[in-house]
PDB file of N, CA and C in Angstrom:
ATOM      1  N   MET A   1       8.583  63.928  29.088  1.00  0.00           N
ATOM      2  CA  MET A   1       8.967  65.242  28.633  1.00  0.00           C
ATOM      3  C   MET A   1      10.264  65.642  29.325  1.00  0.00           C
ATOM      4  N   VAL A   2      11.243  65.979  28.549  1.00  0.00           N
ATOM      5  CA  VAL A   2      12.529  66.388  29.085  1.00  0.00           C
ATOM      6  C   VAL A   2      12.687  67.875  28.859  1.00  0.00           C
ATOM      7  N   ARG A   3      13.018  68.569  29.902  1.00  0.00           N
ATOM      8  CA  ARG A   3      13.222  70.014  29.803  1.00  0.00           C
ATOM      9  C   ARG A   3      14.678  70.270  29.499  1.00  0.00           C
ATOM     10  N   LYS A   4      14.939  71.054  28.471  1.00  0.00           N
ATOM     11  CA  LYS A   4      16.311  71.390  28.102  1.00  0.00           C
ATOM     12  C   LYS A   4      16.508  72.880  28.289  1.00  0.00           C
ATOM     13  N   GLY A   5      17.662  73.257  28.780  1.00  0.00           N
ATOM     14  CA  GLY A   5      17.972  74.673  28.953  1.00  0.00           C
ATOM     15  C   GLY A   5      17.382  75.238  30.227  1.00  0.00           C
ATOM     16  N   LYS A   6      17.565  76.531  30.408  1.00  0.00           N
ATOM     17  CA  LYS A   6      17.091  77.218  31.601  1.00  0.00           C
ATOM     18  C   LYS A   6      15.575  77.362  31.559  1.00  0.00           C
ATOM     19  N   TYR A   7      14.938  77.192  32.683  1.00  0.00           N
ATOM     20  CA  TYR A   7      13.494  77.305  32.804  1.00  0.00           C
ATOM     21  C   TYR A   7      13.067  78.761  32.644  1.00  0.00           C
ATOM     22  N   THR A   8      12.117  79.015  31.773  1.00  0.00           N
ATOM     23  CA  THR A   8      11.524  80.337  31.640  1.00  0.00           C
ATOM     24  C   THR A   8      10.005  80.169  31.647  1.00  0.00           C
ATOM     25  N   PRO A   9       9.311  80.891  32.526  1.00  0.00           N
ATOM     26  CA  PRO A   9       7.856  80.725  32.603  1.00  0.00           C
ATOM     27  C   PRO A   9       7.162  81.261  31.352  1.00  0.00           C
ATOM     28  N   SER A  10       6.047  80.640  31.016  1.00  0.00           N
ATOM     29  CA  SER A  10       5.260  81.096  29.874  1.00  0.00           C
ATOM     30  C   SER A  10       4.380  82.269  30.299  1.00  0.00           C
ATOM     31  N   ARG A  11       3.684  82.863  29.349  1.00  0.00           N
ATOM     32  CA  ARG A  11       2.821  84.010  29.660  1.00  0.00           C
ATOM     33  C   ARG A  11       1.694  83.641  30.605  1.00  0.00           C
ATOM     34  N   GLY A  12       1.159  82.451  30.471  1.00  0.00           N
ATOM     35  CA  GLY A  12       0.053  82.014  31.303  1.00  0.00           C
ATOM     36  C   GLY A  12       0.509  81.498  32.653  1.00  0.00           C
ATOM     37  N   GLY A  13       1.778  81.570  32.943  1.00  0.00           N
ATOM     38  CA  GLY A  13       2.314  81.069  34.198  1.00  0.00           C
ATOM     39  C   GLY A  13       2.917  79.698  33.993  1.00  0.00           C
ATOM     40  N   PRO A  14       3.774  79.292  34.887  1.00  0.00           N
ATOM     41  CA  PRO A  14       4.443  78.007  34.719  1.00  0.00           C
ATOM     42  C   PRO A  14       3.474  76.842  34.867  1.00  0.00           C
ATOM     43  N   THR A  15       3.557  75.895  33.965  1.00  0.00           N
ATOM     44  CA  THR A  15       2.738  74.695  34.080  1.00  0.00           C
ATOM     45  C   THR A  15       3.599  73.491  34.419  1.00  0.00           C
ATOM     46  N   TYR A  16       4.917  73.608  34.240  1.00  0.00           N
ATOM     47  CA  TYR A  16       5.809  72.512  34.580  1.00  0.00           C
ATOM     48  C   TYR A  16       6.893  73.036  35.505  1.00  0.00           C
ATOM     49  N   LEU A  17       7.029  72.457  36.625  1.00  0.00           N
ATOM     50  CA  LEU A  17       8.120  72.728  37.549  1.00  0.00           C
ATOM     51  C   LEU A  17       8.599  71.394  38.096  1.00  0.00           C
ATOM     52  N   PRO A  18       9.871  71.281  38.400  1.00  0.00           N
ATOM     53  CA  PRO A  18      10.342  70.026  38.989  1.00  0.00           C
ATOM     54  C   PRO A  18       9.585  69.711  40.279  1.00  0.00           C
ATOM     55  N   ARG A  19       9.372  68.441  40.514  1.00  0.00           N
ATOM     56  CA  ARG A  19       8.593  68.021  41.691  1.00  0.00           C
ATOM     57  C   ARG A  19       9.207  68.522  43.001  1.00  0.00           C
ATOM     58  N   ASP A  20      10.530  68.500  43.108  1.00  0.00           N
ATOM     59  CA  ASP A  20      11.161  68.987  44.341  1.00  0.00           C
ATOM     60  C   ASP A  20      10.881  70.466  44.554  1.00  0.00           C
ATOM     61  N   ASN A  21      10.861  71.236  43.475  1.00  0.00           N
ATOM     62  CA  ASN A  21      10.567  72.648  43.566  1.00  0.00           C
ATOM     63  C   ASN A  21       9.156  72.860  44.102  1.00  0.00           C
ATOM     64  N   VAL A  22       8.203  72.092  43.614  1.00  0.00           N
ATOM     65  CA  VAL A  22       6.824  72.196  44.078  1.00  0.00           C
ATOM     66  C   VAL A  22       6.732  71.806  45.550  1.00  0.00           C
ATOM     67  N   ARG A  23       7.441  70.767  45.939  1.00  0.00           N
ATOM     68  CA  ARG A  23       7.440  70.352  47.351  1.00  0.00           C
ATOM     69  C   ARG A  23       7.935  71.489  48.250  1.00  0.00           C
ATOM     70  N   LEU A  24       9.036  72.119  47.840  1.00  0.00           N
ATOM     71  CA  LEU A  24       9.584  73.223  48.633  1.00  0.00           C
ATOM     72  C   LEU A  24       8.615  74.398  48.701  1.00  0.00           C
ATOM     73  N   LYS A  25       7.963  74.697  47.599  1.00  0.00           N
ATOM     74  CA  LYS A  25       6.998  75.799  47.585  1.00  0.00           C
ATOM     75  C   LYS A  25       5.823  75.511  48.515  1.00  0.00           C
ATOM     76  N   ILE A  26       5.360  74.268  48.535  1.00  0.00           N
ATOM     77  CA  ILE A  26       4.262  73.897  49.428  1.00  0.00           C
ATOM     78  C   ILE A  26       4.685  74.071  50.875  1.00  0.00           C
ATOM     79  N   VAL A  27       5.861  73.562  51.215  1.00  0.00           N
ATOM     80  CA  VAL A  27       6.351  73.649  52.595  1.00  0.00           C
ATOM     81  C   VAL A  27       6.491  75.109  53.017  1.00  0.00           C
ATOM     82  N   MET A  28       7.083  75.935  52.163  1.00  0.00           N
ATOM     83  CA  MET A  28       7.287  77.333  52.539  1.00  0.00           C
ATOM     84  C   MET A  28       5.966  78.108  52.599  1.00  0.00           C
ATOM     85  N   PHE A  29       5.030  77.785  51.718  1.00  0.00           N
ATOM     86  CA  PHE A  29       3.727  78.448  51.769  1.00  0.00           C
ATOM     87  C   PHE A  29       2.996  78.087  53.061  1.00  0.00           C
ATOM     88  N   LEU A  30       2.979  76.805  53.399  1.00  0.00           N
ATOM     89  CA  LEU A  30       2.313  76.393  54.635  1.00  0.00           C
ATOM     90  C   LEU A  30       3.027  76.953  55.866  1.00  0.00           C
ATOM     91  N   TYR A  31       4.318  77.132  55.771  1.00  0.00           N
ATOM     92  CA  TYR A  31       5.080  77.723  56.872  1.00  0.00           C
ATOM     93  C   TYR A  31       4.643  79.176  57.098  1.00  0.00           C
ATOM     94  N   SER A  32       4.343  79.871  56.009  1.00  0.00           N
ATOM     95  CA  SER A  32       3.975  81.279  56.129  1.00  0.00           C
ATOM     96  C   SER A  32       2.508  81.488  56.528  1.00  0.00           C
ATOM     97  N   VAL A  33       1.611  80.566  56.128  1.00  0.00           N
ATOM     98  CA  VAL A  33       0.189  80.771  56.425  1.00  0.00           C
ATOM     99  C   VAL A  33      -0.352  79.824  57.491  1.00  0.00           C
ATOM    100  N   SER A  34       0.423  78.886  57.919  1.00  0.00           N
ATOM    101  CA  SER A  34       0.120  77.868  58.929  1.00  0.00           C
ATOM    102  C   SER A  34      -0.812  76.751  58.439  1.00  0.00           C
ATOM    103  N   ARG A  35      -1.862  77.057  57.680  1.00  0.00           N
ATOM    104  CA  ARG A  35      -2.717  76.008  57.116  1.00  0.00           C
ATOM    105  C   ARG A  35      -3.437  76.546  55.890  1.00  0.00           C
ATOM    106  N   SER A  36      -3.769  75.641  54.971  1.00  0.00           N
ATOM    107  CA  SER A  36      -4.405  76.068  53.736  1.00  0.00           C
ATOM    108  C   SER A  36      -5.061  74.875  53.062  1.00  0.00           C
ATOM    109  N   ASN A  37      -5.996  75.164  52.153  1.00  0.00           N
ATOM    110  CA  ASN A  37      -6.561  74.099  51.328  1.00  0.00           C
ATOM    111  C   ASN A  37      -5.915  74.168  49.945  1.00  0.00           C
ATOM    112  N   GLN A  38      -6.146  73.148  49.132  1.00  0.00           N
ATOM    113  CA  GLN A  38      -5.501  73.055  47.835  1.00  0.00           C
ATOM    114  C   GLN A  38      -5.932  74.197  46.905  1.00  0.00           C
ATOM    115  N   ASN A  39      -7.185  74.588  46.960  1.00  0.00           N
ATOM    116  CA  ASN A  39      -7.671  75.671  46.112  1.00  0.00           C
ATOM    117  C   ASN A  39      -6.957  76.981  46.424  1.00  0.00           C
ATOM    118  N   LYS A  40      -6.784  77.267  47.698  1.00  0.00           N
ATOM    119  CA  LYS A  40      -6.102  78.492  48.089  1.00  0.00           C
ATOM    120  C   LYS A  40      -4.640  78.472  47.643  1.00  0.00           C
ATOM    121  N   MET A  41      -4.009  77.283  47.695  1.00  0.00           N
ATOM    122  CA  MET A  41      -2.617  77.162  47.250  1.00  0.00           C
ATOM    123  C   MET A  41      -2.469  77.505  45.774  1.00  0.00           C
ATOM    124  N   THR A  42      -3.411  77.030  44.957  1.00  0.00           N
ATOM    125  CA  THR A  42      -3.292  77.256  43.518  1.00  0.00           C
ATOM    126  C   THR A  42      -3.729  78.660  43.110  1.00  0.00           C
ATOM    127  N   ASN A  43      -4.494  79.345  43.939  1.00  0.00           N
ATOM    128  CA  ASN A  43      -4.983  80.673  43.577  1.00  0.00           C
ATOM    129  C   ASN A  43      -4.246  81.816  44.258  1.00  0.00           C
ATOM    130  N   ASP A  44      -3.454  81.528  45.275  1.00  0.00           N
ATOM    131  CA  ASP A  44      -2.720  82.571  45.983  1.00  0.00           C
ATOM    132  C   ASP A  44      -1.441  82.898  45.217  1.00  0.00           C
ATOM    133  N   ALA A  45      -1.256  84.159  44.890  1.00  0.00           N
ATOM    134  CA  ALA A  45      -0.081  84.576  44.117  1.00  0.00           C
ATOM    135  C   ALA A  45       1.209  84.356  44.893  1.00  0.00           C
ATOM    136  N   GLN A  46       1.169  84.420  46.219  1.00  0.00           N
ATOM    137  CA  GLN A  46       2.369  84.249  47.031  1.00  0.00           C
ATOM    138  C   GLN A  46       2.842  82.806  47.074  1.00  0.00           C
ATOM    139  N   SER A  47       1.969  81.861  46.821  1.00  0.00           N
ATOM    140  CA  SER A  47       2.356  80.457  46.946  1.00  0.00           C
ATOM    141  C   SER A  47       3.339  80.023  45.878  1.00  0.00           C
ATOM    142  N   GLY A  48       3.283  80.655  44.715  1.00  0.00           N
ATOM    143  CA  GLY A  48       4.143  80.239  43.616  1.00  0.00           C
ATOM    144  C   GLY A  48       3.665  78.969  42.943  1.00  0.00           C
ATOM    145  N   LEU A  49       2.442  78.555  43.248  1.00  0.00           N
ATOM    146  CA  LEU A  49       1.899  77.302  42.720  1.00  0.00           C
ATOM    147  C   LEU A  49       0.841  77.536  41.652  1.00  0.00           C
ATOM    148  N   ARG A  50       0.662  78.764  41.218  1.00  0.00           N
ATOM    149  CA  ARG A  50      -0.301  79.052  40.154  1.00  0.00           C
ATOM    150  C   ARG A  50       0.103  78.317  38.890  1.00  0.00           C
ATOM    151  N   GLY A  51      -0.862  77.795  38.202  1.00  0.00           N
ATOM    152  CA  GLY A  51      -0.581  77.080  36.963  1.00  0.00           C
ATOM    153  C   GLY A  51      -0.325  75.606  37.159  1.00  0.00           C
ATOM    154  N   GLN A  52      -0.248  75.162  38.404  1.00  0.00           N
ATOM    155  CA  GLN A  52      -0.047  73.742  38.654  1.00  0.00           C
ATOM    156  C   GLN A  52      -1.330  72.988  38.325  1.00  0.00           C
ATOM    157  N   LYS A  53      -1.187  71.847  37.723  1.00  0.00           N
ATOM    158  CA  LYS A  53      -2.346  71.008  37.437  1.00  0.00           C
ATOM    159  C   LYS A  53      -2.868  70.436  38.750  1.00  0.00           C
ATOM    160  N   TRP A  54      -4.186  70.430  38.884  1.00  0.00           N
ATOM    161  CA  TRP A  54      -4.846  70.044  40.139  1.00  0.00           C
ATOM    162  C   TRP A  54      -4.432  68.647  40.590  1.00  0.00           C
ATOM    163  N   ILE A  55      -4.481  67.675  39.693  1.00  0.00           N
ATOM    164  CA  ILE A  55      -4.195  66.290  40.082  1.00  0.00           C
ATOM    165  C   ILE A  55      -2.720  66.103  40.432  1.00  0.00           C
ATOM    166  N   THR A  56      -1.838  66.795  39.725  1.00  0.00           N
ATOM    167  CA  THR A  56      -0.408  66.704  40.031  1.00  0.00           C
ATOM    168  C   THR A  56      -0.130  67.268  41.413  1.00  0.00           C
ATOM    169  N   LEU A  57      -0.711  68.422  41.715  1.00  0.00           N
ATOM    170  CA  LEU A  57      -0.540  69.028  43.032  1.00  0.00           C
ATOM    171  C   LEU A  57      -1.135  68.131  44.110  1.00  0.00           C
ATOM    172  N   SER A  58      -2.282  67.547  43.840  1.00  0.00           N
ATOM    173  CA  SER A  58      -2.917  66.636  44.785  1.00  0.00           C
ATOM    174  C   SER A  58      -2.023  65.437  45.080  1.00  0.00           C
ATOM    175  N   ASN A  59      -1.401  64.893  44.048  1.00  0.00           N
ATOM    176  CA  ASN A  59      -0.495  63.756  44.237  1.00  0.00           C
ATOM    177  C   ASN A  59       0.723  64.140  45.067  1.00  0.00           C
ATOM    178  N   ILE A  60       1.266  65.336  44.828  1.00  0.00           N
ATOM    179  CA  ILE A  60       2.416  65.792  45.607  1.00  0.00           C
ATOM    180  C   ILE A  60       2.016  66.031  47.058  1.00  0.00           C
ATOM    181  N   LEU A  61       0.835  66.592  47.297  1.00  0.00           N
ATOM    182  CA  LEU A  61       0.353  66.795  48.667  1.00  0.00           C
ATOM    183  C   LEU A  61       0.197  65.450  49.383  1.00  0.00           C
ATOM    184  N   ASP A  62      -0.354  64.456  48.691  1.00  0.00           N
ATOM    185  CA  ASP A  62      -0.493  63.122  49.293  1.00  0.00           C
ATOM    186  C   ASP A  62       0.876  62.514  49.600  1.00  0.00           C
ATOM    187  N   GLU A  63       1.821  62.744  48.706  1.00  0.00           N
ATOM    188  CA  GLU A  63       3.180  62.250  48.918  1.00  0.00           C
ATOM    189  C   GLU A  63       3.811  62.894  50.156  1.00  0.00           C
ATOM    190  N   LEU A  64       3.629  64.205  50.320  1.00  0.00           N
ATOM    191  CA  LEU A  64       4.162  64.888  51.498  1.00  0.00           C
ATOM    192  C   LEU A  64       3.483  64.410  52.774  1.00  0.00           C
ATOM    193  N   CYS A  65       2.216  64.029  52.683  1.00  0.00           N
ATOM    194  CA  CYS A  65       1.517  63.450  53.837  1.00  0.00           C
ATOM    195  C   CYS A  65       2.123  62.094  54.207  1.00  0.00           C
ATOM    196  N   GLU A  66       2.432  61.283  53.192  1.00  0.00           N
ATOM    197  CA  GLU A  66       3.062  59.979  53.433  1.00  0.00           C
ATOM    198  C   GLU A  66       4.427  60.148  54.078  1.00  0.00           C
ATOM    199  N   TRP A  67       5.165  61.166  53.679  1.00  0.00           N
ATOM    200  CA  TRP A  67       6.490  61.432  54.240  1.00  0.00           C
ATOM    201  C   TRP A  67       6.410  62.046  55.632  1.00  0.00           C
ATOM    202  N   LYS A  68       5.201  62.401  56.069  1.00  0.00           N
ATOM    203  CA  LYS A  68       4.959  63.026  57.372  1.00  0.00           C
ATOM    204  C   LYS A  68       5.552  64.441  57.461  1.00  0.00           C
ATOM    205  N   TRP A  69       5.564  65.152  56.320  1.00  0.00           N
ATOM    206  CA  TRP A  69       5.972  66.553  56.299  1.00  0.00           C
ATOM    207  C   TRP A  69       4.772  67.446  56.565  1.00  0.00           C
ATOM    208  N   ILE A  70       3.606  67.033  56.031  1.00  0.00           N
ATOM    209  CA  ILE A  70       2.383  67.797  56.225  1.00  0.00           C
ATOM    210  C   ILE A  70       1.281  66.856  56.690  1.00  0.00           C
ATOM    211  N   GLU A  71       0.205  67.459  57.173  1.00  0.00           N
ATOM    212  CA  GLU A  71      -0.942  66.706  57.670  1.00  0.00           C
ATOM    213  C   GLU A  71      -2.172  67.130  56.875  1.00  0.00           C
ATOM    214  N   LYS A  72      -2.992  66.143  56.551  1.00  0.00           N
ATOM    215  CA  LYS A  72      -4.237  66.394  55.836  1.00  0.00           C
ATOM    216  C   LYS A  72      -5.386  66.109  56.788  1.00  0.00           C
ATOM    217  N   LYS A  73      -6.321  67.058  56.922  1.00  0.00           N
ATOM    218  CA  LYS A  73      -7.485  66.827  57.776  1.00  0.00           C
ATOM    219  C   LYS A  73      -8.672  67.614  57.249  1.00  0.00           C
ATOM    220  N   GLN A  74      -9.846  67.250  57.700  1.00  0.00           N
ATOM    221  CA  GLN A  74     -11.077  67.928  57.283  1.00  0.00           C
ATOM    222  C   GLN A  74     -11.171  69.283  57.974  1.00  0.00           C
ATOM    223  N   SER A  75     -11.668  70.254  57.234  1.00  0.00           N
ATOM    224  CA  SER A  75     -11.835  71.597  57.770  1.00  0.00           C
ATOM    225  C   SER A  75     -12.948  71.610  58.810  1.00  0.00           C
ATOM    226  N   GLU A  76     -12.738  72.395  59.846  1.00  0.00           N
ATOM    227  CA  GLU A  76     -13.770  72.579  60.864  1.00  0.00           C
ATOM    228  C   GLU A  76     -14.749  73.668  60.436  1.00  0.00           C
ATOM    229  N   ASP A  77     -14.336  74.500  59.478  1.00  0.00           N
ATOM    230  CA  ASP A  77     -15.142  75.650  59.060  1.00  0.00           C
ATOM    231  C   ASP A  77     -16.123  75.325  57.943  1.00  0.00           C
ATOM    232  N   ALA A  78     -15.749  74.408  57.036  1.00  0.00           N
ATOM    233  CA  ALA A  78     -16.594  74.117  55.878  1.00  0.00           C
ATOM    234  C   ALA A  78     -16.627  72.613  55.617  1.00  0.00           C
ATOM    235  N   ALA A  79     -17.753  72.144  55.140  1.00  0.00           N
ATOM    236  CA  ALA A  79     -17.896  70.721  54.831  1.00  0.00           C
ATOM    237  C   ALA A  79     -17.175  70.408  53.516  1.00  0.00           C
ATOM    238  N   ASN A  80     -16.670  69.205  53.414  1.00  0.00           N
ATOM    239  CA  ASN A  80     -16.008  68.704  52.207  1.00  0.00           C
ATOM    240  C   ASN A  80     -14.790  69.524  51.778  1.00  0.00           C
ATOM    241  N   VAL A  81     -14.091  70.119  52.728  1.00  0.00           N
ATOM    242  CA  VAL A  81     -12.867  70.862  52.439  1.00  0.00           C
ATOM    243  C   VAL A  81     -11.733  70.214  53.219  1.00  0.00           C
ATOM    244  N   THR A  82     -10.643  69.922  52.525  1.00  0.00           N
ATOM    245  CA  THR A  82      -9.471  69.319  53.152  1.00  0.00           C
ATOM    246  C   THR A  82      -8.434  70.406  53.398  1.00  0.00           C
ATOM    247  N   ILE A  83      -7.929  70.438  54.615  1.00  0.00           N
ATOM    248  CA  ILE A  83      -6.943  71.430  55.027  1.00  0.00           C
ATOM    249  C   ILE A  83      -5.597  70.734  55.204  1.00  0.00           C
ATOM    250  N   TYR A  84      -4.527  71.426  54.808  1.00  0.00           N
ATOM    251  CA  TYR A  84      -3.166  70.924  54.976  1.00  0.00           C
ATOM    252  C   TYR A  84      -2.413  71.855  55.908  1.00  0.00           C
ATOM    253  N   GLN A  85      -1.575  71.259  56.771  1.00  0.00           N
ATOM    254  CA  GLN A  85      -0.720  72.055  57.634  1.00  0.00           C
ATOM    255  C   GLN A  85       0.568  71.290  57.885  1.00  0.00           C
ATOM    256  N   LEU A  86       1.606  72.021  58.240  1.00  0.00           N
ATOM    257  CA  LEU A  86       2.916  71.402  58.454  1.00  0.00           C
ATOM    258  C   LEU A  86       2.945  70.600  59.736  1.00  0.00           C
ATOM    259  N   LEU A  87       3.623  69.491  59.675  1.00  0.00           N
ATOM    260  CA  LEU A  87       3.947  68.726  60.874  1.00  0.00           C
ATOM    261  C   LEU A  87       5.342  69.154  61.332  1.00  0.00           C
ATOM    262  N   GLU A  88       5.841  68.564  62.393  1.00  0.00           N
ATOM    263  CA  GLU A  88       7.139  68.953  62.943  1.00  0.00           C
ATOM    264  C   GLU A  88       8.268  68.806  61.920  1.00  0.00           C
ATOM    265  N   THR A  89       8.252  67.723  61.153  1.00  0.00           N
ATOM    266  CA  THR A  89       9.290  67.524  60.137  1.00  0.00           C
ATOM    267  C   THR A  89       9.242  68.629  59.088  1.00  0.00           C
ATOM    268  N   GLY A  90       8.055  68.994  58.634  1.00  0.00           N
ATOM    269  CA  GLY A  90       7.907  70.063  57.661  1.00  0.00           C
ATOM    270  C   GLY A  90       8.382  71.401  58.202  1.00  0.00           C
ATOM    271  N   GLN A  91       8.130  71.651  59.484  1.00  0.00           N
ATOM    272  CA  GLN A  91       8.588  72.896  60.094  1.00  0.00           C
ATOM    273  C   GLN A  91      10.108  72.932  60.179  1.00  0.00           C
ATOM    274  N   LYS A  92      10.726  71.792  60.454  1.00  0.00           N
ATOM    275  CA  LYS A  92      12.193  71.725  60.491  1.00  0.00           C
ATOM    276  C   LYS A  92      12.782  71.969  59.106  1.00  0.00           C
ATOM    277  N   ILE A  93      12.140  71.432  58.087  1.00  0.00           N
ATOM    278  CA  ILE A  93      12.611  71.629  56.716  1.00  0.00           C
ATOM    279  C   ILE A  93      12.489  73.100  56.329  1.00  0.00           C
ATOM    280  N   ALA A  94      11.373  73.735  56.665  1.00  0.00           N
ATOM    281  CA  ALA A  94      11.189  75.155  56.358  1.00  0.00           C
ATOM    282  C   ALA A  94      12.236  76.003  57.086  1.00  0.00           C
ATOM    283  N   ALA A  95      12.520  75.667  58.331  1.00  0.00           N
ATOM    284  CA  ALA A  95      13.540  76.400  59.088  1.00  0.00           C
ATOM    285  C   ALA A  95      14.920  76.210  58.451  1.00  0.00           C
ATOM    286  N   ALA A  96      15.199  75.012  57.969  1.00  0.00           N
ATOM    287  CA  ALA A  96      16.480  74.757  57.304  1.00  0.00           C
ATOM    288  C   ALA A  96      16.588  75.551  56.003  1.00  0.00           C
ATOM    289  N   ILE A  97      15.481  75.674  55.274  1.00  0.00           N
ATOM    290  CA  ILE A  97      15.476  76.455  54.036  1.00  0.00           C
ATOM    291  C   ILE A  97      15.729  77.924  54.346  1.00  0.00           C
ATOM    292  N   LYS A  98      15.107  78.435  55.395  1.00  0.00           N
ATOM    293  CA  LYS A  98      15.334  79.832  55.792  1.00  0.00           C
ATOM    294  C   LYS A  98      16.794  80.040  56.188  1.00  0.00           C
ATOM    295  N   GLU A  99      17.366  79.061  56.874  1.00  0.00           N
ATOM    296  CA  GLU A  99      18.772  79.145  57.268  1.00  0.00           C
ATOM    297  C   GLU A  99      19.686  79.128  56.043  1.00  0.00           C
ATOM    298  N   LEU A 100      19.342  78.307  55.052  1.00  0.00           N
ATOM    299  CA  LEU A 100      20.113  78.284  53.801  1.00  0.00           C
ATOM    300  C   LEU A 100      20.083  79.646  53.124  1.00  0.00           C
ATOM    301  N   GLU A 101      18.934  80.282  53.150  1.00  0.00           N
ATOM    302  CA  GLU A 101      18.827  81.601  52.524  1.00  0.00           C
ATOM    303  C   GLU A 101      19.762  82.589  53.208  1.00  0.00           C
ATOM    304  N   ASN A 102      19.826  82.514  54.519  1.00  0.00           N
ATOM    305  CA  ASN A 102      20.648  83.453  55.275  1.00  0.00           C
ATOM    306  C   ASN A 102      22.145  83.176  55.139  1.00  0.00           C
ATOM    307  N   ASN A 103      22.515  81.904  54.999  1.00  0.00           N
ATOM    308  CA  ASN A 103      23.929  81.527  55.046  1.00  0.00           C
ATOM    309  C   ASN A 103      24.544  81.180  53.698  1.00  0.00           C
ATOM    310  N   SER A 104      23.765  80.740  52.732  1.00  0.00           N
ATOM    311  CA  SER A 104      24.314  80.274  51.458  1.00  0.00           C
ATOM    312  C   SER A 104      23.472  80.785  50.295  1.00  0.00           C
ATOM    313  N   LYS A 105      23.813  81.926  49.791  1.00  0.00           N
ATOM    314  CA  LYS A 105      23.071  82.519  48.667  1.00  0.00           C
ATOM    315  C   LYS A 105      23.226  81.699  47.390  1.00  0.00           C
ATOM    316  N   ASP A 106      24.299  80.905  47.280  1.00  0.00           N
ATOM    317  CA  ASP A 106      24.546  80.141  46.055  1.00  0.00           C
ATOM    318  C   ASP A 106      23.505  79.043  45.821  1.00  0.00           C
ATOM    319  N   PHE A 107      22.844  78.552  46.859  1.00  0.00           N
ATOM    320  CA  PHE A 107      21.816  77.517  46.677  1.00  0.00           C
ATOM    321  C   PHE A 107      20.656  78.021  45.829  1.00  0.00           C
ATOM    322  N   TRP A 108      20.392  79.312  45.837  1.00  0.00           N
ATOM    323  CA  TRP A 108      19.249  79.876  45.129  1.00  0.00           C
ATOM    324  C   TRP A 108      19.468  79.915  43.622  1.00  0.00           C
ATOM    325  N   LYS A 109      20.664  79.528  43.175  1.00  0.00           N
ATOM    326  CA  LYS A 109      20.933  79.414  41.740  1.00  0.00           C
ATOM    327  C   LYS A 109      20.423  78.077  41.185  1.00  0.00           C
ATOM    328  N   LEU A 110      20.118  77.126  42.050  1.00  0.00           N
ATOM    329  CA  LEU A 110      19.633  75.809  41.637  1.00  0.00           C
ATOM    330  C   LEU A 110      18.177  75.883  41.194  1.00  0.00           C
ATOM    331  N   ASP A 111      17.816  75.069  40.180  1.00  0.00           N
ATOM    332  CA  ASP A 111      16.430  75.027  39.706  1.00  0.00           C
ATOM    333  C   ASP A 111      15.466  74.593  40.799  1.00  0.00           C
ATOM    334  N   SER A 112      15.910  73.764  41.705  1.00  0.00           N
ATOM    335  CA  SER A 112      15.030  73.284  42.776  1.00  0.00           C
ATOM    336  C   SER A 112      14.526  74.415  43.659  1.00  0.00           C
ATOM    337  N   PHE A 113      15.273  75.499  43.730  1.00  0.00           N
ATOM    338  CA  PHE A 113      14.872  76.629  44.564  1.00  0.00           C
ATOM    339  C   PHE A 113      14.237  77.760  43.758  1.00  0.00           C
ATOM    340  N   HIS A 114      14.068  77.584  42.447  1.00  0.00           N
ATOM    341  CA  HIS A 114      13.502  78.633  41.597  1.00  0.00           C
ATOM    342  C   HIS A 114      12.096  79.013  42.057  1.00  0.00           C
ATOM    343  N   GLY A 115      11.912  80.247  42.413  1.00  0.00           N
ATOM    344  CA  GLY A 115      10.586  80.738  42.793  1.00  0.00           C
ATOM    345  C   GLY A 115      10.142  80.391  44.193  1.00  0.00           C
ATOM    346  N   VAL A 116      10.978  79.739  44.991  1.00  0.00           N
ATOM    347  CA  VAL A 116      10.610  79.427  46.372  1.00  0.00           C
ATOM    348  C   VAL A 116      10.647  80.726  47.154  1.00  0.00           C
ATOM    349  N   LYS A 117       9.513  81.098  47.722  1.00  0.00           N
ATOM    350  CA  LYS A 117       9.426  82.358  48.447  1.00  0.00           C
ATOM    351  C   LYS A 117       9.625  82.110  49.927  1.00  0.00           C
ATOM    352  N   LEU A 118      10.514  82.867  50.498  1.00  0.00           N
ATOM    353  CA  LEU A 118      10.747  82.783  51.929  1.00  0.00           C
ATOM    354  C   LEU A 118      10.032  83.945  52.589  1.00  0.00           C
ATOM    355  N   GLN A 119       9.162  83.625  53.507  1.00  0.00           N
ATOM    356  CA  GLN A 119       8.368  84.657  54.172  1.00  0.00           C
ATOM    357  C   GLN A 119       9.018  85.055  55.465  1.00  0.00           C
TER     358      GLN A 119
END
């Protein structure tokens, strides 16, 4: 599927976003809340991940774990719940994104930064 033209969300919320955009949203969401599970990411309005397909988001989370941006571990509070949190590399990336916001407003015109919330 090739997207043509400027991205506009549908009434039911966006179902397609570029993978890099989703990665940035995950990093910034985890930066703001420190740790979260996948269900909370897809249901929290602040995450910007509403409407994401579960398996696609799961694959991106696994990819970020492989890159050592985030860490996946079992929850201490509930059985069979996987928690994600930023590792040092992910925290550096989030700090760099915050710095970009402060110093270069033109980056926010790129589709990769569409909807990325800085907390």
